[in-house]
Amino acid sequence: MNNKNRRNFIKRLTATLGTFSLASLPGKADAVAMQDAWQQFKSLPEEVAVTNEKLWQQIKQAFSVSSNLLYLNSAGLCPQPKGVQQTVESYNKMANGAPTYYANRMLRQDLVIVKQKLADLAGCDSSDIALQANTIMAMYHVIFGLNLQPGDEIILTKQDYSSVKIAYEQLAKRDKIKLVWLDLDLVESNEAAIVEQFAKAITPRTRLINITHMINWTGLILPVKKICDVAREKNVLTLVDGAQTFAHLDFNIPDLGCDFFATSLHKWLCAPFGTGMLYGRKSSVAKVYPLYGAPDPTSDNVGKFEHVGTIMTAAQLGISSAIDFHHHIGSALKEKRLRYLKNYWIRGIKDLPGVQINTPTAAERSCGVAHFSYDKMTSYDLSLFLSSKHRIHALRVNLPQVKGIRVSPNVFTTTRDLDRLIKAMHKVAKV
């Protein structure tokens, strides 16, 4: 990061706090103190900014996360910055002034701007994205909207998200579709081995490949582009579950080469609850009927997937504020910070007797989410210990390959917070 970019980063970050947190602070002195703090980091190189805890402690003040309960489940649902919460409340109050006028007419006009800002972040055109309630709703359009015939095949993995697997199983039962299940090695397999697994599963009857960008349970990043390239060569459609990667990793969706990409904005973008997005390649969109009725179901206009009746417009408008907050930190810096936090707590516990890290630590294979197990306690008992004794909330994961705890901090997490997890594990291991 050059000096000009560093100055711009600090300037944007200062502006963010002015927008998102200063108004929520208890006193003017706190606001002034925070503004003064930003000025001290003007000359910091990026590698120093990533590790500067004073900087990230100030960012934490933009959130209303509990100071007692340590929240390490961002992969499940992320809290919103205070400014995003206030934006939603303001729009909701406005809509209640005259619901059909404001919510159905005036406020919906601003969704054009929301979609444009979202498209800029995704690296695509706004005509390629449809606003959705979550990843699952977005994926269901594709899963249930393709014109599949009995005997057609869909490739997916046993490690895909549970609600996604349930949808495919229902589809297979109803329409006699053949599901081809891959069993990924979540810890040891390399990229080439994963790509080869998908490639070997393709047959002349394969119509769709479901690809989870980042495995929810362990944080393993799959080589999506390489898998999509193989699929395209075979004229097979691809649907990417990007719930864990959008606004987490620094990438542009079109660069993945997929036909469809679904994500939840209430995860790593920290947007309002119940907001999501579906990206679709125009030539592929025309092949999918929307889950709900639309005037022209065979259109290549991705907007047909937004024809869902009454929605919470205030939440969708709040996406814009979440994007602003994200940009003030920057995608590249955010990704590096999340990876730094992951590596920090792993270093703190990996050598404890009985601890097993079940996520690769290489930069291209994981980022802010990771999983560990402790062979002297069941995952249930370990989860209960962390929660009841140390007030640490993380996800208990039980898969055939890995059983333990998934940890997913965020930009509002500091290394001091993670020291609490490290100390808890040292205590239980009695080291």
Protein backbone atom coordinates (compact mmCIF):
# COMPACT_ATOMS: atom_id res chain seq x y z
CA MET A 1 0.00 0.00 0.00
CA ASN A 2 1.60 3.31 -1.08
CA ASN A 3 1.41 6.51 0.98
CA LYS A 4 -1.49 7.88 -1.04
CA ASN A 5 -3.52 4.69 -0.58
CA ARG A 6 -2.69 4.59 3.11
CA ARG A 7 -3.91 8.15 3.55
CA ASN A 8 -7.08 7.33 1.63
CA PHE A 9 -7.65 4.25 3.80
CA ILE A 10 -7.39 6.24 7.02
CA LYS A 11 -9.51 9.02 5.58
CA ARG A 12 -12.25 6.56 4.58
CA LEU A 13 -12.02 4.72 7.88
CA THR A 14 -12.36 7.97 9.81
CA ALA A 15 -15.37 8.87 7.71
CA THR A 16 -16.88 5.47 8.38
CA LEU A 17 -16.68 5.87 12.12
CA GLY A 18 -18.20 9.29 11.78
CA THR A 19 -21.09 7.73 9.91
CA PHE A 20 -21.50 4.45 11.71
CA SER A 21 -20.35 4.74 15.30
CA LEU A 22 -19.62 8.23 16.51
CA ALA A 23 -23.28 9.13 16.70
CA SER A 24 -23.82 6.09 18.88
CA LEU A 25 -21.02 6.77 21.35
CA PRO A 26 -21.91 7.89 24.85
CA GLY A 27 -20.02 11.18 24.66
CA LYS A 28 -18.29 13.70 22.43
CA ALA A 29 -14.94 12.99 24.10
CA ASP A 30 -15.10 9.39 22.89
CA ALA A 31 -15.74 10.57 19.33
CA VAL A 32 -12.80 12.98 19.42
CA ALA A 33 -10.55 10.29 20.86
CA MET A 34 -11.43 7.93 18.04
CA GLN A 35 -10.79 10.56 15.38
CA ASP A 36 -7.43 11.35 16.93
CA ALA A 37 -6.55 7.65 16.91
CA TRP A 38 -7.05 7.40 13.15
CA GLN A 39 -4.60 10.21 12.55
CA GLN A 40 -1.85 8.21 14.24
CA PHE A 41 -2.09 5.47 11.60
CA LYS A 42 -1.69 7.61 8.48
CA SER A 43 1.72 6.27 7.63
CA LEU A 44 1.15 2.62 8.53
CA PRO A 45 1.98 0.09 5.80
CA GLU A 46 -0.74 -2.47 5.18
CA GLU A 47 1.16 -5.29 6.87
CA VAL A 48 1.32 -3.20 10.04
CA ALA A 49 -2.30 -2.05 9.81
CA VAL A 50 -3.42 -5.70 9.72
CA THR A 51 -1.83 -6.35 13.11
CA ASN A 52 -2.42 -2.99 14.82
CA GLU A 53 -4.87 -3.82 17.59
CA LYS A 54 -5.59 -0.17 18.45
CA LEU A 55 -6.95 0.27 14.94
CA TRP A 56 -9.20 -2.78 15.12
CA GLN A 57 -10.34 -1.97 18.63
CA GLN A 58 -11.69 1.28 17.23
CA ILE A 59 -13.46 -0.59 14.44
CA LYS A 60 -15.02 -2.79 17.08
CA GLN A 61 -16.65 0.31 18.57
CA ALA A 62 -18.71 0.63 15.38
CA PHE A 63 -20.57 -2.56 16.39
CA SER A 64 -22.89 -3.29 19.29
CA VAL A 65 -21.46 -6.75 19.98
CA SER A 66 -21.62 -7.97 23.56
CA SER A 67 -18.66 -7.08 25.75
CA ASN A 68 -19.28 -10.19 27.86
CA LEU A 69 -20.15 -12.94 25.41
CA LEU A 70 -17.31 -13.57 22.94
CA TYR A 71 -18.98 -14.03 19.54
CA LEU A 72 -16.98 -16.36 17.28
CA ASN A 73 -19.72 -17.49 14.92
CA SER A 74 -19.59 -14.97 12.10
CA ALA A 75 -19.84 -17.82 9.59
CA GLY A 76 -23.35 -18.34 10.95
CA LEU A 77 -24.64 -14.78 11.11
CA CYS A 78 -22.82 -11.48 11.43
CA PRO A 79 -23.89 -8.50 13.52
CA GLN A 80 -24.41 -5.24 11.70
CA PRO A 81 -22.50 -2.02 12.40
CA LYS A 82 -24.53 0.45 14.42
CA GLY A 83 -24.94 2.66 11.38
CA VAL A 84 -26.50 -0.15 9.37
CA GLN A 85 -28.94 -0.83 12.20
CA GLN A 86 -29.85 2.85 12.30
CA THR A 87 -30.34 2.95 8.53
CA VAL A 88 -32.82 0.08 8.64
CA GLU A 89 -34.69 1.68 11.55
CA SER A 90 -34.91 4.99 9.69
CA TYR A 91 -36.25 3.43 6.49
CA ASN A 92 -38.69 1.31 8.44
CA LYS A 93 -40.08 4.35 10.25
CA MET A 94 -40.40 6.18 6.94
CA ALA A 95 -42.23 3.25 5.35
CA ASN A 96 -44.68 3.13 8.23
CA GLY A 97 -45.68 6.72 7.49
CA ALA A 98 -47.57 5.53 4.41
CA PRO A 99 -46.64 1.93 3.58
CA THR A 100 -47.89 1.52 0.02
CA TYR A 101 -46.58 4.96 -0.95
CA TYR A 102 -43.14 4.85 0.65
CA ALA A 103 -42.39 1.11 0.72
CA ASN A 104 -43.89 0.25 -2.67
CA ARG A 105 -43.10 3.42 -4.59
CA MET A 106 -40.57 5.85 -3.20
CA LEU A 107 -38.15 3.60 -1.33
CA ARG A 108 -38.03 0.93 -4.02
CA GLN A 109 -36.49 3.49 -6.36
CA ASP A 110 -33.36 3.54 -4.20
CA LEU A 111 -32.89 -0.19 -4.71
CA VAL A 112 -31.43 0.67 -8.11
CA ILE A 113 -28.53 2.33 -6.29
CA VAL A 114 -28.23 -0.57 -3.84
CA LYS A 115 -27.91 -3.03 -6.72
CA GLN A 116 -25.36 -0.88 -8.49
CA LYS A 117 -23.17 -0.63 -5.39
CA LEU A 118 -23.56 -4.35 -4.83
CA ALA A 119 -22.60 -5.05 -8.44
CA ASP A 120 -19.52 -2.86 -8.11
CA LEU A 121 -18.44 -4.87 -5.09
CA ALA A 122 -19.14 -8.14 -6.92
CA GLY A 123 -17.28 -6.99 -10.03
CA CYS A 124 -20.24 -7.46 -12.35
CA ASP A 125 -23.06 -5.51 -13.97
CA SER A 126 -26.14 -4.68 -11.91
CA SER A 127 -28.27 -6.45 -14.54
CA ASP A 128 -26.56 -9.71 -13.50
CA ILE A 129 -27.77 -9.74 -9.89
CA ALA A 130 -31.07 -10.21 -8.11
CA LEU A 131 -31.69 -9.31 -4.48
CA GLN A 132 -32.74 -12.29 -2.36
CA ALA A 133 -33.46 -13.05 1.29
CA ASN A 134 -30.52 -15.44 1.73
CA THR A 135 -28.27 -17.96 0.00
CA ILE A 136 -30.80 -20.77 0.25
CA MET A 137 -33.60 -18.85 -1.44
CA ALA A 138 -31.20 -17.78 -4.18
CA MET A 139 -30.01 -21.34 -4.77
CA TYR A 140 -33.53 -22.79 -4.72
CA HIS A 141 -34.40 -20.79 -7.84
CA VAL A 142 -31.74 -22.70 -9.73
CA ILE A 143 -32.14 -26.07 -8.03
CA PHE A 144 -35.88 -26.26 -8.65
CA GLY A 145 -35.98 -24.09 -11.78
CA LEU A 146 -33.90 -26.10 -14.24
CA ASN A 147 -35.78 -28.19 -16.78
CA LEU A 148 -34.36 -31.57 -15.74
CA GLN A 149 -35.45 -34.99 -16.93
CA PRO A 150 -35.50 -38.34 -15.07
CA GLY A 151 -32.02 -39.80 -15.09
CA ASP A 152 -30.26 -36.43 -15.38
CA GLU A 153 -27.37 -36.10 -12.95
CA ILE A 154 -26.29 -33.44 -10.47
CA ILE A 155 -22.87 -33.49 -8.79
CA LEU A 156 -22.61 -32.30 -5.20
CA THR A 157 -20.66 -33.19 -2.07
CA LYS A 158 -21.44 -34.66 1.31
CA GLN A 159 -19.83 -31.55 2.82
CA ASP A 160 -22.28 -29.09 1.23
CA TYR A 161 -24.57 -27.10 3.50
CA SER A 162 -27.37 -29.18 5.03
CA SER A 163 -30.30 -27.13 3.67
CA VAL A 164 -28.77 -27.29 0.19
CA LYS A 165 -28.49 -31.08 0.36
CA ILE A 166 -32.08 -31.37 1.55
CA ALA A 167 -33.27 -29.41 -1.49
CA TYR A 168 -31.40 -31.67 -3.91
CA GLU A 169 -32.70 -34.78 -2.16
CA GLN A 170 -36.26 -33.49 -2.50
CA LEU A 171 -35.65 -32.74 -6.17
CA ALA A 172 -34.26 -36.24 -6.74
CA LYS A 173 -37.24 -37.84 -5.04
CA ARG A 174 -39.80 -35.81 -6.98
CA ASP A 175 -38.23 -35.77 -10.45
CA LYS A 176 -36.11 -38.95 -10.38
CA ILE A 177 -32.86 -37.01 -10.73
CA LYS A 178 -29.65 -38.88 -9.95
CA LEU A 179 -27.47 -37.26 -7.29
CA VAL A 180 -23.76 -37.99 -7.60
CA TRP A 181 -22.23 -37.53 -4.15
CA LEU A 182 -18.55 -36.68 -3.72
CA ASP A 183 -16.84 -37.12 -0.36
CA LEU A 184 -14.15 -34.48 0.04
CA ASP A 185 -11.10 -34.86 2.23
CA LEU A 186 -11.46 -31.69 4.27
CA VAL A 187 -7.93 -31.68 5.67
CA GLU A 188 -5.38 -33.40 3.47
CA SER A 189 -6.48 -33.26 -0.19
CA ASN A 190 -4.87 -30.65 -2.46
CA GLU A 191 -6.51 -28.52 -5.14
CA ALA A 192 -5.58 -30.84 -7.98
CA ALA A 193 -7.14 -33.81 -6.17
CA ILE A 194 -10.38 -31.91 -5.56
CA VAL A 195 -10.65 -30.77 -9.17
CA GLU A 196 -10.00 -34.33 -10.31
CA GLN A 197 -12.80 -35.62 -8.09
CA PHE A 198 -15.30 -33.32 -9.77
CA ALA A 199 -13.94 -33.97 -13.26
CA LYS A 200 -14.15 -37.74 -12.93
CA ALA A 201 -17.76 -37.53 -11.75
CA ILE A 202 -18.96 -35.80 -14.94
CA THR A 203 -20.86 -38.00 -17.39
CA PRO A 204 -22.93 -37.26 -20.52
CA ARG A 205 -26.00 -37.04 -18.23
CA THR A 206 -24.49 -34.41 -15.89
CA ARG A 207 -26.53 -31.21 -16.01
CA LEU A 208 -25.39 -29.27 -12.95
CA ILE A 209 -22.48 -29.14 -10.51
CA ASN A 210 -23.07 -27.63 -7.08
CA ILE A 211 -19.86 -26.10 -5.69
CA THR A 212 -19.46 -24.74 -2.18
CA HIS A 213 -16.87 -21.97 -2.42
CA MET A 214 -15.86 -22.28 1.22
CA ILE A 215 -16.94 -25.34 3.18
CA ASN A 216 -19.11 -23.96 5.95
CA TRP A 217 -18.02 -26.53 8.52
CA THR A 218 -14.24 -26.14 8.36
CA GLY A 219 -13.44 -23.09 6.23
CA LEU A 220 -11.75 -25.05 3.43
CA ILE A 221 -11.72 -23.03 0.18
CA LEU A 222 -12.45 -25.05 -2.95
CA PRO A 223 -10.75 -24.26 -6.30
CA VAL A 224 -14.00 -22.99 -7.80
CA LYS A 225 -12.60 -21.48 -11.00
CA LYS A 226 -10.76 -24.67 -11.94
CA ILE A 227 -13.87 -26.76 -11.33
CA CYS A 228 -16.01 -24.31 -13.33
CA ASP A 229 -13.51 -24.41 -16.20
CA VAL A 230 -13.80 -28.20 -16.35
CA ALA A 231 -17.60 -27.98 -16.22
CA ARG A 232 -17.76 -25.41 -19.02
CA GLU A 233 -15.66 -27.63 -21.27
CA LYS A 234 -18.29 -30.34 -20.75
CA ASN A 235 -21.22 -27.93 -21.23
CA VAL A 236 -22.33 -28.44 -17.62
CA LEU A 237 -23.93 -25.65 -15.58
CA THR A 238 -22.38 -24.59 -12.27
CA LEU A 239 -24.06 -23.20 -9.15
CA VAL A 240 -21.71 -21.78 -6.52
CA ASP A 241 -22.72 -21.52 -2.88
CA GLY A 242 -20.81 -18.37 -1.91
CA ALA A 243 -22.40 -17.84 1.49
CA GLN A 244 -19.02 -17.85 3.23
CA THR A 245 -16.87 -15.99 0.71
CA PHE A 246 -18.62 -12.83 -0.49
CA ALA A 247 -17.13 -9.81 1.37
CA HIS A 248 -14.80 -12.31 3.08
CA LEU A 249 -12.39 -13.05 0.24
CA ASP A 250 -11.22 -10.40 -2.23
CA PHE A 251 -12.50 -11.52 -5.65
CA ASN A 252 -14.86 -10.69 -8.51
CA ILE A 253 -17.68 -13.15 -9.11
CA PRO A 254 -17.36 -13.28 -12.93
CA ASP A 255 -13.71 -14.32 -12.56
CA LEU A 256 -14.89 -17.61 -11.05
CA GLY A 257 -16.39 -18.61 -14.38
CA CYS A 258 -19.59 -19.92 -12.81
CA ASP A 259 -23.11 -19.76 -14.23
CA PHE A 260 -24.73 -18.87 -10.91
CA PHE A 261 -23.42 -17.55 -7.59
CA ALA A 262 -25.59 -17.29 -4.48
CA THR A 263 -24.70 -15.60 -1.22
CA SER A 264 -26.10 -14.19 2.01
CA LEU A 265 -25.28 -10.54 2.61
CA HIS A 266 -26.06 -10.87 6.33
CA LYS A 267 -22.91 -12.92 6.77
CA TRP A 268 -19.52 -11.38 5.96
CA LEU A 269 -20.84 -8.13 4.48
CA CYS A 270 -22.61 -7.50 7.82
CA ALA A 271 -25.74 -6.34 6.00
CA PRO A 272 -29.24 -6.49 7.53
CA PHE A 273 -30.63 -9.90 8.45
CA GLY A 274 -32.64 -11.48 5.65
CA THR A 275 -30.66 -10.08 2.72
CA GLY A 276 -28.93 -12.04 -0.01
CA MET A 277 -28.02 -12.04 -3.68
CA LEU A 278 -28.11 -14.24 -6.78
CA TYR A 279 -25.70 -13.65 -9.65
CA GLY A 280 -26.54 -15.23 -12.98
CA ARG A 281 -24.85 -15.37 -16.36
CA LYS A 282 -27.45 -14.12 -18.85
CA SER A 283 -27.22 -17.14 -21.16
CA SER A 284 -27.76 -19.40 -18.16
CA VAL A 285 -30.52 -17.35 -16.52
CA ALA A 286 -32.76 -18.03 -19.54
CA LYS A 287 -32.58 -21.77 -18.75
CA VAL A 288 -34.03 -21.39 -15.25
CA TYR A 289 -37.64 -20.85 -14.21
CA PRO A 290 -37.93 -18.70 -11.06
CA LEU A 291 -39.04 -20.43 -7.89
CA TYR A 292 -41.98 -18.02 -7.69
CA GLY A 293 -44.14 -16.95 -10.61
CA ALA A 294 -42.82 -14.27 -12.97
CA PRO A 295 -44.37 -12.62 -16.07
CA ASP A 296 -41.68 -14.05 -18.36
CA PRO A 297 -40.11 -17.11 -16.71
CA THR A 298 -37.82 -17.91 -19.66
CA SER A 299 -36.34 -14.41 -19.84
CA ASP A 300 -32.59 -13.89 -19.46
CA ASN A 301 -33.36 -11.02 -17.08
CA VAL A 302 -32.18 -12.04 -13.59
CA GLY A 303 -34.80 -9.66 -12.17
CA LYS A 304 -37.40 -12.39 -12.68
CA PHE A 305 -36.03 -13.97 -9.51
CA GLU A 306 -37.08 -10.90 -7.51
CA HIS A 307 -40.79 -11.39 -8.22
CA VAL A 308 -41.58 -12.64 -4.69
CA GLY A 309 -44.31 -10.35 -3.36
CA THR A 310 -43.95 -8.06 -0.36
CA ILE A 311 -40.43 -7.81 1.01
CA MET A 312 -38.76 -5.84 3.81
CA THR A 313 -37.51 -2.92 1.72
CA ALA A 314 -35.84 -1.27 4.72
CA ALA A 315 -33.49 -4.22 5.12
CA GLN A 316 -32.54 -4.22 1.45
CA LEU A 317 -31.88 -0.48 1.55
CA GLY A 318 -29.62 -1.07 4.53
CA ILE A 319 -27.32 -3.12 2.29
CA SER A 320 -25.98 0.16 0.94
CA SER A 321 -24.72 1.24 4.36
CA ALA A 322 -23.08 -2.15 4.89
CA ILE A 323 -21.26 -1.79 1.57
CA ASP A 324 -20.05 1.67 2.58
CA PHE A 325 -18.68 0.29 5.82
CA HIS A 326 -16.99 -2.59 3.99
CA HIS A 327 -15.31 -0.22 1.53
CA HIS A 328 -13.93 1.95 4.31
CA ILE A 329 -11.87 -1.04 5.41
CA GLY A 330 -11.33 -2.45 1.93
CA SER A 331 -11.70 -6.00 0.63
CA ALA A 332 -7.99 -6.77 0.49
CA LEU A 333 -7.22 -5.52 4.01
CA LYS A 334 -10.29 -7.24 5.43
CA GLU A 335 -9.28 -10.59 3.92
CA LYS A 336 -5.76 -10.25 5.34
CA ARG A 337 -7.08 -9.31 8.76
CA LEU A 338 -9.46 -12.29 8.88
CA ARG A 339 -6.69 -14.66 7.85
CA TYR A 340 -4.40 -13.12 10.46
CA LEU A 341 -6.98 -13.70 13.20
CA LYS A 342 -7.45 -17.32 12.12
CA ASN A 343 -3.71 -17.97 12.22
CA TYR A 344 -3.40 -16.16 15.56
CA TRP A 345 -5.70 -18.44 17.54
CA ILE A 346 -4.47 -21.55 15.74
CA ARG A 347 -0.89 -20.77 16.74
CA GLY A 348 -2.10 -20.38 20.31
CA ILE A 349 -3.60 -23.86 20.63
CA LYS A 350 -2.19 -26.11 17.90
CA ASP A 351 0.60 -27.57 20.05
CA LEU A 352 -1.64 -28.41 22.99
CA PRO A 353 -1.84 -32.17 23.63
CA GLY A 354 -5.01 -33.59 22.12
CA VAL A 355 -5.75 -30.59 19.86
CA GLN A 356 -6.14 -31.22 16.13
CA ILE A 357 -6.52 -28.40 13.58
CA ASN A 358 -8.86 -29.59 10.83
CA THR A 359 -8.42 -26.70 8.38
CA PRO A 360 -5.46 -26.09 6.05
CA THR A 361 -3.68 -22.84 6.93
CA ALA A 362 -2.27 -22.07 3.46
CA ALA A 363 -3.58 -18.71 2.21
CA GLU A 364 -5.25 -20.14 -0.89
CA ARG A 365 -7.02 -22.86 1.08
CA SER A 366 -8.58 -20.98 4.02
CA CYS A 367 -9.17 -17.49 5.39
CA GLY A 368 -11.06 -16.46 8.53
CA VAL A 369 -12.88 -19.70 9.35
CA ALA A 370 -11.26 -22.79 10.85
CA HIS A 371 -12.14 -25.90 12.83
CA PHE A 372 -10.38 -27.71 15.66
CA SER A 373 -11.04 -30.79 17.76
CA TYR A 374 -9.87 -31.93 21.18
CA ASP A 375 -9.62 -35.67 21.59
CA LYS A 376 -10.12 -35.64 25.36
CA MET A 377 -13.66 -34.19 25.11
CA THR A 378 -16.65 -34.70 22.86
CA SER A 379 -17.57 -31.73 20.71
CA TYR A 380 -20.71 -31.29 22.80
CA ASP A 381 -18.80 -31.19 26.08
CA LEU A 382 -16.16 -28.86 24.64
CA SER A 383 -18.81 -26.51 23.30
CA LEU A 384 -20.56 -26.52 26.68
CA PHE A 385 -17.27 -25.84 28.47
CA LEU A 386 -16.45 -22.86 26.26
CA SER A 387 -19.96 -21.47 26.51
CA SER A 388 -20.78 -21.96 30.17
CA LYS A 389 -17.35 -21.49 31.72
CA HIS A 390 -15.87 -18.83 29.44
CA ARG A 391 -18.87 -17.31 27.65
CA ILE A 392 -17.46 -18.11 24.21
CA HIS A 393 -19.97 -18.74 21.45
CA ALA A 394 -18.73 -20.80 18.50
CA LEU A 395 -20.31 -23.54 16.41
CA ARG A 396 -20.20 -27.20 17.39
CA VAL A 397 -19.62 -29.27 14.25
CA ASN A 398 -20.02 -33.03 13.95
CA LEU A 399 -19.08 -34.55 10.61
CA PRO A 400 -17.83 -38.08 9.93
CA GLN A 401 -14.36 -36.68 9.26
CA VAL A 402 -14.20 -33.87 11.80
CA LYS A 403 -15.86 -33.37 15.16
CA GLY A 404 -15.19 -30.28 17.19
CA ILE A 405 -15.54 -26.51 17.16
CA ARG A 406 -15.69 -24.07 14.25
CA VAL A 407 -14.24 -20.65 15.05
CA SER A 408 -15.08 -17.63 12.87
CA PRO A 409 -14.02 -14.18 14.15
CA ASN A 410 -14.58 -10.93 12.25
CA VAL A 411 -13.32 -7.35 11.95
CA PHE A 412 -14.86 -6.58 15.35
CA THR A 413 -12.70 -9.30 16.94
CA THR A 414 -9.35 -8.41 18.48
CA THR A 415 -6.43 -10.61 19.43
CA ARG A 416 -7.28 -9.90 23.07
CA ASP A 417 -10.66 -11.50 22.40
CA LEU A 418 -8.96 -14.52 20.89
CA ASP A 419 -6.62 -14.76 23.89
CA ARG A 420 -9.73 -15.66 25.84
CA LEU A 421 -10.25 -18.70 23.61
CA ILE A 422 -6.57 -19.62 23.80
CA LYS A 423 -6.53 -19.38 27.61
CA ALA A 424 -9.69 -21.46 27.84
CA MET A 425 -8.12 -24.23 25.78
CA HIS A 426 -4.91 -24.07 27.82
CA LYS A 427 -7.01 -24.38 30.95
CA VAL A 428 -8.94 -27.40 29.74
CA ALA A 429 -5.69 -29.01 28.53
CA LYS A 430 -4.07 -27.99 31.85
CA VAL A 431 -0.93 -26.65 30.20
